[in-house]
Amino acid sequence: IECASFSLTICAERAAFSKAITEGELNFEAIAISSNQGKYVFPCGACRQFMIEFAEELTVILIKSEKEYKTFKIKELLPNNFSI
């Protein structure tokens, strides 16, 4: 069975957060996500969950080109996040 979930990889968003956290940064306001695909690239579900656990008010900026971008709150992208 094939699935778009990449359990053995780490996305750029989680890599960036992990690097910052290991260096002592715990206050996140925003993350900008861009690609060379000429379209908006949304963070995967695992990244959304990871980011919301460290920054419930995080602003996610998706960049399509130099003049085109969209802004979301992480809760808009993951409205019913998992929590224990």
C-alpha atoms as a PDB file:
ATOM      1  CA  ILE A   1       0.000   0.000   0.000  1.00  0.00           C
ATOM      2  CA  GLU A   2       1.404   3.383  -0.971  1.00  0.00           C
ATOM      3  CA  CYS A   3       0.783   6.491   1.078  1.00  0.00           C
ATOM      4  CA  ALA A   4       1.946  10.113   0.919  1.00  0.00           C
ATOM      5  CA  SER A   5       3.098   9.925   4.558  1.00  0.00           C
ATOM      6  CA  PHE A   6       6.882   9.994   4.737  1.00  0.00           C
ATOM      7  CA  SER A   7       7.508   8.459   8.152  1.00  0.00           C
ATOM      8  CA  LEU A   8      11.248   7.960   7.708  1.00  0.00           C
ATOM      9  CA  THR A   9      12.033  11.460   6.446  1.00  0.00           C
ATOM     10  CA  ILE A  10      12.072  14.908   8.003  1.00  0.00           C
ATOM     11  CA  CYS A  11      10.662  17.932   6.221  1.00  0.00           C
ATOM     12  CA  ALA A  12      12.328  21.349   6.125  1.00  0.00           C
ATOM     13  CA  GLU A  13       9.803  22.806   8.580  1.00  0.00           C
ATOM     14  CA  ARG A  14      10.544  20.223  11.277  1.00  0.00           C
ATOM     15  CA  ALA A  15      14.270  20.451  10.567  1.00  0.00           C
ATOM     16  CA  ALA A  16      14.192  24.242  11.042  1.00  0.00           C
ATOM     17  CA  PHE A  17      12.164  24.011  14.253  1.00  0.00           C
ATOM     18  CA  SER A  18      14.345  21.198  15.622  1.00  0.00           C
ATOM     19  CA  LYS A  19      17.548  23.133  14.924  1.00  0.00           C
ATOM     20  CA  ALA A  20      16.181  26.245  16.614  1.00  0.00           C
ATOM     21  CA  ILE A  21      14.899  24.300  19.631  1.00  0.00           C
ATOM     22  CA  THR A  22      18.206  22.485  20.153  1.00  0.00           C
ATOM     23  CA  GLU A  23      19.906  25.888  20.174  1.00  0.00           C
ATOM     24  CA  GLY A  24      17.547  27.177  22.875  1.00  0.00           C
ATOM     25  CA  GLU A  25      14.955  29.061  20.837  1.00  0.00           C
ATOM     26  CA  LEU A  26      11.441  28.419  22.122  1.00  0.00           C
ATOM     27  CA  ASN A  27       9.525  31.507  20.957  1.00  0.00           C
ATOM     28  CA  PHE A  28       8.295  31.228  17.390  1.00  0.00           C
ATOM     29  CA  GLU A  29       6.201  33.912  15.693  1.00  0.00           C
ATOM     30  CA  ALA A  30       6.237  32.900  12.027  1.00  0.00           C
ATOM     31  CA  ILE A  31       7.612  30.534   9.439  1.00  0.00           C
ATOM     32  CA  ALA A  32       7.897  31.232   5.713  1.00  0.00           C
ATOM     33  CA  ILE A  33       7.597  28.309   3.304  1.00  0.00           C
ATOM     34  CA  SER A  34       8.553  28.554  -0.354  1.00  0.00           C
ATOM     35  CA  SER A  35       9.601  26.251  -3.159  1.00  0.00           C
ATOM     36  CA  ASN A  36      10.800  26.395  -6.727  1.00  0.00           C
ATOM     37  CA  GLN A  37       7.611  24.712  -7.980  1.00  0.00           C
ATOM     38  CA  GLY A  38       5.744  27.933  -8.804  1.00  0.00           C
ATOM     39  CA  LYS A  39       2.861  27.036  -6.477  1.00  0.00           C
ATOM     40  CA  TYR A  40       1.927  27.241  -2.820  1.00  0.00           C
ATOM     41  CA  VAL A  41       3.412  24.349  -0.868  1.00  0.00           C
ATOM     42  CA  PHE A  42       1.579  23.624   2.376  1.00  0.00           C
ATOM     43  CA  PRO A  43       3.264  21.913   5.328  1.00  0.00           C
ATOM     44  CA  CYS A  44       2.412  18.242   5.768  1.00  0.00           C
ATOM     45  CA  GLY A  45       0.219  17.075   8.634  1.00  0.00           C
ATOM     46  CA  ALA A  46       3.179  15.923  10.729  1.00  0.00           C
ATOM     47  CA  CYS A  47       4.816  19.346  10.394  1.00  0.00           C
ATOM     48  CA  ARG A  48       1.567  21.113  11.270  1.00  0.00           C
ATOM     49  CA  GLN A  49       1.236  19.030  14.437  1.00  0.00           C
ATOM     50  CA  PHE A  50       4.902  19.533  15.346  1.00  0.00           C
ATOM     51  CA  MET A  51       4.745  23.302  14.856  1.00  0.00           C
ATOM     52  CA  ILE A  52       1.479  23.817  16.744  1.00  0.00           C
ATOM     53  CA  GLU A  53       2.916  22.027  19.778  1.00  0.00           C
ATOM     54  CA  PHE A  54       5.653  24.663  20.020  1.00  0.00           C
ATOM     55  CA  ALA A  55       3.751  27.724  18.755  1.00  0.00           C
ATOM     56  CA  GLU A  56      -0.046  27.755  18.985  1.00  0.00           C
ATOM     57  CA  GLU A  57      -0.197  31.298  17.559  1.00  0.00           C
ATOM     58  CA  LEU A  58       2.315  30.686  14.761  1.00  0.00           C
ATOM     59  CA  THR A  59       1.843  32.559  11.496  1.00  0.00           C
ATOM     60  CA  VAL A  60       2.540  30.433   8.420  1.00  0.00           C
ATOM     61  CA  ILE A  61       3.519  32.389   5.310  1.00  0.00           C
ATOM     62  CA  LEU A  62       3.299  30.469   2.045  1.00  0.00           C
ATOM     63  CA  ILE A  63       5.267  32.048  -0.784  1.00  0.00           C
ATOM     64  CA  LYS A  64       4.440  31.374  -4.428  1.00  0.00           C
ATOM     65  CA  SER A  65       6.567  34.125  -5.995  1.00  0.00           C
ATOM     66  CA  GLU A  66       8.160  37.438  -5.075  1.00  0.00           C
ATOM     67  CA  LYS A  67       4.751  39.121  -5.303  1.00  0.00           C
ATOM     68  CA  GLU A  68       2.382  36.300  -4.329  1.00  0.00           C
ATOM     69  CA  TYR A  69       1.993  34.940  -0.836  1.00  0.00           C
ATOM     70  CA  LYS A  70      -0.698  33.762   1.586  1.00  0.00           C
ATOM     71  CA  THR A  71      -0.738  34.005   5.357  1.00  0.00           C
ATOM     72  CA  PHE A  72      -2.444  31.600   7.746  1.00  0.00           C
ATOM     73  CA  LYS A  73      -2.477  30.940  11.460  1.00  0.00           C
ATOM     74  CA  ILE A  74      -1.328  27.409  12.257  1.00  0.00           C
ATOM     75  CA  LYS A  75      -4.729  26.713  13.863  1.00  0.00           C
ATOM     76  CA  GLU A  76      -6.361  27.406  10.486  1.00  0.00           C
ATOM     77  CA  LEU A  77      -4.190  24.720   8.914  1.00  0.00           C
ATOM     78  CA  LEU A  78      -4.737  22.264  11.774  1.00  0.00           C
ATOM     79  CA  PRO A  79      -8.009  23.221  13.480  1.00  0.00           C
ATOM     80  CA  ASN A  80      -8.386  20.107  15.627  1.00  0.00           C
ATOM     81  CA  ASN A  81      -4.826  19.273  16.542  1.00  0.00           C
ATOM     82  CA  PHE A  82      -3.980  16.226  18.630  1.00  0.00           C
ATOM     83  CA  SER A  83      -3.046  16.823  22.248  1.00  0.00           C
ATOM     84  CA  ILE A  84      -2.559  14.713  25.326  1.00  0.00           C
END
